[in-house]
Amino acid sequence: LIMFETNKSLPVYFIYEKLKEIKNFDILCVFYRRVDMKRKIPVTKIELRSTNEDALKIARIFDGGGHKNASGATINRYLSIEEFLDKVRQVIWDFLLWKRIKKMISFNESLKLIRKYKLPIVKSFHSLEFNELKKAFVKMNKPVVLKVYSPDIIHKTDVGCIVSEIYTITQLKDAYRKIRKNVFSFNSSARIDAFVLQETVRGLELIIGAKNDETFGKLILFGLGGIYTEVFEDVAIRVLPISESEIDSMIKQINSFKILSGYRGNIYNLKVLKKLIMKVAKLFENENLKEIDLNPVFLNDKGAKIVDWKFYRWNNVREIFLS
């Protein structure tokens, strides 16, 4: 959360674009004071911007007029000084609550869950040291993929923290350096849990997820996965607990089911897929988690392999009272 005072001569969009180049942040709140010539009183103008979809929800506390644009949301409103201070307190408090909602668990903790529930992941090796990765690379089928696991890097593709089609030690070394550089360029204080080396798998990219919903409780999600999940929004959702027949109807509900059922001769192992969805459902019912995101899960005729996984717990932040 970045909050600061400026003067009217420095456009907020300029501040926003410049800050994006040098710092990772969730919300930018810029304000400046002026005199309302009609009412003859000092007022404060607030502009709130964010590129974070979850953080944008906080903008709703500003009940004045506003609009959304490509760079996020801008909410403009003239407030009295007293109103302004109340709003600032609310922004900070809501921001702290939002940060409390979920926290990505460590790589080692995620592996414990994967092993406990026997989730099928692609053949992988992890380490922080390049020499260890190099030793594992020699024994793996090529090409391989190298990526980072960090609670501070959620969308690895967007910030250049995943490299595929690696065939040689030289390419591996270049990928390691590139990812490391991109991590700290994106977030200078990022925590790296591991560099993950994986064999390449082929198949249809799917997503299996679960989340705690305030209204419906524990939900499970299934649909078309990969980097275009948000674009196509081809998913089905059910309330937990779930039966085998409900899993079957869930799979058949998505628009892409025609592909899963053997379009153009492609065969996919739906039996394995159903078992995997049930395993994820049981995991989420039994563990104290806020959210699960398995994306992508590659499905082919032989079975299913999870390539990328994120597990979120509730983030217990100490209450901070603003005065």
Protein backbone atom coordinates (compact mmCIF):
# COMPACT_ATOMS: atom_id res chain seq x y z
CA LEU A 1 0.00 0.00 0.00
CA ILE A 2 1.54 3.30 -1.12
CA MET A 3 -0.02 6.54 0.14
CA PHE A 4 1.41 10.00 -0.28
CA GLU A 5 0.51 13.63 -0.79
CA THR A 6 1.31 15.50 -3.97
CA ASN A 7 0.30 18.72 -5.66
CA LYS A 8 -2.12 19.18 -8.52
CA SER A 9 0.68 19.82 -11.02
CA LEU A 10 1.90 16.20 -10.87
CA PRO A 11 -0.65 13.94 -12.63
CA VAL A 12 -1.58 10.78 -10.73
CA TYR A 13 -1.37 8.63 -13.85
CA PHE A 14 2.27 9.74 -14.23
CA ILE A 15 3.06 8.75 -10.64
CA TYR A 16 1.27 5.44 -11.14
CA GLU A 17 3.11 4.48 -14.32
CA LYS A 18 6.50 5.42 -12.89
CA LEU A 19 5.91 3.50 -9.67
CA LYS A 20 4.89 0.41 -11.65
CA GLU A 21 8.33 0.44 -13.26
CA ILE A 22 10.25 0.34 -10.00
CA LYS A 23 8.04 -1.17 -7.29
CA ASN A 24 5.55 -3.97 -6.76
CA PHE A 25 2.49 -2.66 -4.95
CA ASP A 26 -1.16 -3.46 -4.45
CA ILE A 27 -2.76 -0.05 -4.06
CA LEU A 28 -1.64 3.48 -4.84
CA CYS A 29 -3.55 6.16 -2.95
CA VAL A 30 -2.60 9.70 -3.95
CA PHE A 31 -4.18 12.80 -2.43
CA TYR A 32 -3.77 16.54 -2.61
CA ARG A 33 -5.42 19.49 -0.93
CA ARG A 34 -7.08 22.42 -2.62
CA VAL A 35 -9.60 25.11 -1.80
CA ASP A 36 -13.17 24.67 -2.96
CA MET A 37 -13.86 28.18 -4.33
CA LYS A 38 -17.65 27.77 -4.14
CA ARG A 39 -17.78 26.63 -0.53
CA LYS A 40 -14.61 28.52 0.48
CA ILE A 41 -13.30 25.55 2.45
CA PRO A 42 -10.18 23.33 2.14
CA VAL A 43 -10.91 19.94 0.62
CA THR A 44 -8.83 16.91 -0.32
CA LYS A 45 -8.96 15.08 -3.60
CA ILE A 46 -8.25 11.34 -3.49
CA GLU A 47 -7.25 9.15 -6.42
CA LEU A 48 -7.00 5.43 -5.80
CA ARG A 49 -5.46 3.06 -8.37
CA SER A 50 -4.65 -0.61 -8.45
CA THR A 51 -3.93 -3.36 -10.96
CA ASN A 52 -4.72 -6.06 -8.43
CA GLU A 53 -8.17 -7.57 -9.01
CA ASP A 54 -8.70 -8.39 -5.32
CA ALA A 55 -7.42 -5.04 -4.13
CA LEU A 56 -9.86 -3.25 -6.43
CA LYS A 57 -12.66 -4.42 -4.14
CA ILE A 58 -11.32 -2.03 -1.53
CA ALA A 59 -12.08 0.85 -3.87
CA ARG A 60 -15.78 0.38 -3.21
CA ILE A 61 -15.52 2.26 0.07
CA PHE A 62 -15.11 5.40 -2.02
CA ASP A 63 -18.76 5.97 -2.89
CA GLY A 64 -18.19 8.91 -5.20
CA GLY A 65 -18.15 8.76 -8.99
CA GLY A 66 -15.39 6.82 -10.64
CA HIS A 67 -14.44 4.74 -13.64
CA LYS A 68 -12.36 1.73 -14.53
CA ASN A 69 -9.72 1.75 -17.21
CA ALA A 70 -6.97 -0.47 -18.59
CA SER A 71 -4.56 0.43 -15.81
CA GLY A 72 -6.94 -0.44 -12.98
CA ALA A 73 -9.46 1.76 -11.23
CA THR A 74 -9.52 5.46 -10.52
CA ILE A 75 -11.90 6.82 -7.93
CA ASN A 76 -12.07 10.61 -7.69
CA ARG A 77 -13.93 12.49 -4.99
CA TYR A 78 -13.58 15.77 -3.15
CA LEU A 79 -13.73 15.34 0.62
CA SER A 80 -13.49 17.51 3.67
CA ILE A 81 -10.36 16.95 5.75
CA GLU A 82 -12.40 15.03 8.35
CA GLU A 83 -13.99 12.82 5.70
CA PHE A 84 -10.61 12.28 4.14
CA LEU A 85 -9.00 11.05 7.38
CA ASP A 86 -11.89 8.65 7.95
CA LYS A 87 -11.49 7.27 4.43
CA VAL A 88 -7.74 6.89 4.82
CA ARG A 89 -8.23 4.87 8.01
CA GLN A 90 -10.77 2.71 6.19
CA VAL A 91 -8.46 2.13 3.22
CA ILE A 92 -5.60 1.04 5.48
CA TRP A 93 -7.85 -1.17 7.61
CA ASP A 94 -9.46 -2.86 4.59
CA PHE A 95 -6.05 -3.32 3.05
CA LEU A 96 -4.80 -5.10 6.17
CA LEU A 97 -7.89 -7.32 6.18
CA TRP A 98 -7.36 -8.13 2.51
CA LYS A 99 -3.72 -9.06 3.17
CA ARG A 100 -4.97 -11.28 6.00
CA ILE A 101 -7.25 -13.28 3.71
CA LYS A 102 -4.71 -15.68 2.26
CA LYS A 103 -1.05 -16.58 2.35
CA MET A 104 0.64 -19.00 -0.04
CA ILE A 105 2.25 -21.86 1.87
CA SER A 106 5.91 -22.76 1.44
CA PHE A 107 7.12 -25.16 -1.23
CA ASN A 108 8.08 -27.86 1.28
CA GLU A 109 4.70 -27.60 3.00
CA SER A 110 2.93 -27.90 -0.36
CA LEU A 111 4.92 -31.06 -1.16
CA LYS A 112 3.82 -32.61 2.14
CA LEU A 113 0.17 -32.09 1.16
CA ILE A 114 0.79 -33.47 -2.33
CA ARG A 115 2.40 -36.61 -0.94
CA LYS A 116 -0.18 -37.04 1.83
CA TYR A 117 -3.06 -37.11 -0.66
CA LYS A 118 -1.07 -38.80 -3.44
CA LEU A 119 -1.65 -36.08 -6.00
CA PRO A 120 0.04 -36.85 -9.34
CA ILE A 121 2.62 -34.17 -10.12
CA VAL A 122 4.98 -34.09 -13.08
CA LYS A 123 8.50 -35.43 -12.41
CA SER A 124 10.24 -32.57 -10.62
CA PHE A 125 13.38 -31.60 -8.78
CA HIS A 126 13.82 -28.52 -6.61
CA SER A 127 16.76 -26.66 -5.13
CA LEU A 128 18.05 -23.16 -4.54
CA GLU A 129 21.52 -24.09 -5.81
CA PHE A 130 22.32 -24.19 -9.53
CA ASN A 131 24.84 -27.03 -9.14
CA GLU A 132 22.16 -29.25 -7.64
CA LEU A 133 19.78 -28.41 -10.46
CA LYS A 134 22.51 -29.21 -12.98
CA LYS A 135 23.04 -32.68 -11.49
CA ALA A 136 19.31 -33.43 -11.65
CA PHE A 137 19.04 -32.03 -15.18
CA VAL A 138 21.43 -34.68 -16.55
CA LYS A 139 19.11 -37.49 -15.40
CA MET A 140 15.85 -35.96 -16.67
CA ASN A 141 14.09 -36.38 -20.00
CA LYS A 142 14.54 -33.34 -22.24
CA PRO A 143 13.30 -30.73 -22.79
CA VAL A 144 12.75 -29.51 -19.25
CA VAL A 145 11.10 -26.46 -17.71
CA LEU A 146 12.65 -24.25 -15.01
CA LYS A 147 10.55 -21.97 -12.83
CA VAL A 148 10.56 -20.32 -9.46
CA TYR A 149 8.34 -21.06 -6.47
CA SER A 150 7.80 -17.91 -4.47
CA PRO A 151 4.85 -16.66 -2.38
CA ASP A 152 5.61 -13.24 -3.84
CA ILE A 153 5.41 -14.35 -7.49
CA ILE A 154 1.89 -15.58 -8.23
CA HIS A 155 1.76 -15.28 -12.04
CA LYS A 156 5.17 -16.58 -13.10
CA THR A 157 4.56 -16.29 -16.86
CA ASP A 158 3.66 -12.60 -16.63
CA VAL A 159 6.98 -11.63 -15.04
CA GLY A 160 9.30 -13.98 -16.92
CA CYS A 161 9.85 -16.46 -14.10
CA ILE A 162 9.36 -19.63 -16.11
CA VAL A 163 11.49 -20.90 -19.01
CA SER A 164 10.57 -23.93 -21.14
CA GLU A 165 12.23 -25.96 -23.91
CA ILE A 166 15.56 -26.33 -22.11
CA TYR A 167 17.82 -28.94 -23.74
CA THR A 168 21.36 -28.06 -22.62
CA ILE A 169 23.31 -27.09 -19.50
CA THR A 170 24.04 -23.70 -21.09
CA GLN A 171 20.32 -23.06 -21.62
CA LEU A 172 19.65 -24.14 -18.04
CA LYS A 173 22.25 -21.72 -16.69
CA ASP A 174 20.85 -18.86 -18.77
CA ALA A 175 17.31 -19.67 -17.60
CA TYR A 176 18.42 -19.75 -13.94
CA ARG A 177 20.07 -16.34 -14.22
CA LYS A 178 17.14 -14.85 -16.13
CA ILE A 179 14.53 -16.04 -13.63
CA ARG A 180 16.56 -14.91 -10.63
CA LYS A 181 17.01 -11.47 -12.17
CA ASN A 182 13.30 -11.18 -13.06
CA VAL A 183 12.20 -12.19 -9.55
CA PHE A 184 14.09 -9.36 -7.88
CA SER A 185 13.28 -6.89 -10.66
CA PHE A 186 9.61 -7.54 -9.98
CA ASN A 187 9.94 -7.55 -6.19
CA SER A 188 13.27 -6.69 -4.61
CA SER A 189 12.24 -8.29 -1.30
CA ALA A 190 10.74 -11.46 -2.79
CA ARG A 191 11.26 -14.76 -0.99
CA ILE A 192 12.40 -17.65 -3.17
CA ASP A 193 11.48 -21.05 -1.75
CA ALA A 194 12.89 -23.08 -4.64
CA PHE A 195 13.85 -23.26 -8.27
CA VAL A 196 11.80 -26.10 -9.73
CA LEU A 197 13.03 -28.24 -12.62
CA GLN A 198 10.33 -30.27 -14.39
CA GLU A 199 10.08 -32.67 -17.28
CA THR A 200 7.82 -31.49 -20.11
CA VAL A 201 4.37 -33.07 -20.38
CA ARG A 202 1.82 -32.78 -23.17
CA GLY A 203 -1.93 -32.82 -23.09
CA LEU A 204 -5.01 -30.71 -22.53
CA GLU A 205 -4.48 -27.96 -19.96
CA LEU A 206 -7.07 -27.97 -17.17
CA ILE A 207 -7.58 -26.25 -13.84
CA ILE A 208 -8.74 -27.82 -10.58
CA GLY A 209 -9.26 -25.48 -7.67
CA ALA A 210 -11.04 -25.02 -4.38
CA LYS A 211 -11.92 -22.04 -2.23
CA ASN A 212 -13.76 -20.96 0.88
CA ASP A 213 -16.73 -18.79 -0.02
CA GLU A 214 -18.42 -16.51 2.52
CA THR A 215 -21.89 -17.50 1.29
CA PHE A 216 -21.63 -21.12 0.13
CA GLY A 217 -18.75 -22.45 2.20
CA LYS A 218 -16.22 -24.82 0.63
CA LEU A 219 -16.36 -24.98 -3.17
CA ILE A 220 -14.50 -26.99 -5.81
CA LEU A 221 -13.81 -25.74 -9.32
CA PHE A 222 -12.94 -27.51 -12.56
CA GLY A 223 -12.44 -26.20 -16.07
CA LEU A 224 -10.22 -25.27 -18.96
CA GLY A 225 -6.82 -24.23 -17.62
CA GLY A 226 -3.53 -22.65 -18.63
CA ILE A 227 -2.73 -18.97 -19.01
CA TYR A 228 -6.14 -18.27 -20.61
CA THR A 229 -8.26 -19.46 -17.68
CA GLU A 230 -9.51 -15.92 -16.95
CA VAL A 231 -10.13 -15.25 -20.65
CA PHE A 232 -12.41 -18.18 -21.45
CA GLU A 233 -13.89 -18.63 -17.95
CA ASP A 234 -14.94 -22.15 -18.94
CA VAL A 235 -15.39 -23.63 -15.46
CA ALA A 236 -17.91 -25.53 -13.37
CA ILE A 237 -18.32 -25.15 -9.59
CA ARG A 238 -19.84 -27.42 -6.93
CA VAL A 239 -20.33 -27.17 -3.17
CA LEU A 240 -18.41 -29.68 -1.04
CA PRO A 241 -18.77 -32.46 -0.09
CA ILE A 242 -19.17 -33.87 -3.59
CA SER A 243 -20.21 -37.27 -4.95
CA GLU A 244 -18.84 -39.16 -7.95
CA SER A 245 -22.01 -38.42 -9.93
CA GLU A 246 -21.63 -34.69 -9.18
CA ILE A 247 -18.03 -34.80 -10.41
CA ASP A 248 -19.25 -36.47 -13.60
CA SER A 249 -21.88 -33.76 -14.19
CA MET A 250 -19.31 -31.10 -13.37
CA ILE A 251 -16.96 -32.35 -16.08
CA LYS A 252 -19.78 -32.56 -18.62
CA GLN A 253 -20.97 -29.03 -17.79
CA ILE A 254 -17.99 -27.13 -19.20
CA ASN A 255 -18.13 -25.91 -22.79
CA SER A 256 -14.88 -27.74 -23.56
CA PHE A 257 -16.36 -31.15 -22.74
CA LYS A 258 -16.60 -31.87 -26.46
CA ILE A 259 -12.78 -31.83 -26.53
CA LEU A 260 -12.55 -34.07 -23.46
CA SER A 261 -14.97 -36.59 -24.96
CA GLY A 262 -12.68 -37.35 -27.89
CA TYR A 263 -12.94 -34.52 -30.42
CA ARG A 264 -10.87 -35.26 -33.56
CA GLY A 265 -9.65 -38.56 -32.18
CA ASN A 266 -7.87 -37.20 -29.09
CA ILE A 267 -8.32 -39.53 -26.13
CA TYR A 268 -8.30 -38.30 -22.54
CA ASN A 269 -8.34 -40.43 -19.39
CA LEU A 270 -11.51 -39.19 -17.70
CA LYS A 271 -11.42 -41.95 -15.10
CA VAL A 272 -8.12 -40.64 -13.74
CA LEU A 273 -9.42 -37.07 -13.94
CA LYS A 274 -12.47 -37.90 -11.79
CA LYS A 275 -10.27 -39.57 -9.17
CA LEU A 276 -8.02 -36.53 -9.07
CA ILE A 277 -10.93 -34.13 -8.56
CA MET A 278 -12.15 -36.32 -5.69
CA LYS A 279 -8.67 -36.31 -4.10
CA VAL A 280 -8.54 -32.52 -4.26
CA ALA A 281 -12.04 -32.33 -2.74
CA LYS A 282 -11.01 -34.58 0.18
CA LEU A 283 -7.82 -32.58 0.71
CA PHE A 284 -9.73 -29.33 0.90
CA GLU A 285 -12.38 -30.77 3.23
CA ASN A 286 -9.77 -32.14 5.64
CA GLU A 287 -7.15 -29.37 5.66
CA ASN A 288 -7.44 -25.85 7.03
CA LEU A 289 -6.91 -24.07 3.72
CA LYS A 290 -8.31 -20.89 2.22
CA GLU A 291 -7.74 -21.81 -1.41
CA ILE A 292 -6.20 -24.35 -3.82
CA ASP A 293 -5.07 -23.57 -7.36
CA LEU A 294 -3.81 -26.45 -9.53
CA ASN A 295 -3.17 -24.89 -12.91
CA PRO A 296 -2.26 -26.25 -15.30
CA VAL A 297 -3.12 -29.90 -14.91
CA PHE A 298 -2.18 -31.77 -18.09
CA LEU A 299 -4.57 -34.54 -19.13
CA ASN A 300 -3.86 -37.08 -21.87
CA ASP A 301 -4.70 -40.70 -22.66
CA LYS A 302 -2.29 -42.02 -20.00
CA GLY A 303 -3.48 -39.89 -17.10
CA ALA A 304 -3.17 -36.51 -15.40
CA LYS A 305 -0.14 -34.58 -14.17
CA ILE A 306 -0.18 -31.43 -12.06
CA VAL A 307 2.43 -28.99 -13.34
CA ASP A 308 1.84 -25.96 -11.15
CA TRP A 309 0.26 -25.79 -7.71
CA LYS A 310 -0.55 -23.17 -5.09
CA PHE A 311 -2.05 -23.78 -1.66
CA TYR A 312 -3.21 -20.86 0.47
CA ARG A 313 -3.79 -20.77 4.21
CA TRP A 314 -5.49 -18.06 6.23
CA ASN A 315 -2.94 -15.33 6.91
CA ASN A 316 -3.06 -14.47 10.61
CA VAL A 317 -2.02 -10.85 10.80
CA ARG A 318 -1.99 -9.11 14.18
CA GLU A 319 -4.78 -6.58 14.54
CA ILE A 320 -3.65 -3.03 14.13
CA PHE A 321 -5.81 -0.28 15.58
CA LEU A 322 -5.67 3.05 13.82
CA SER A 323 -6.17 6.20 15.80
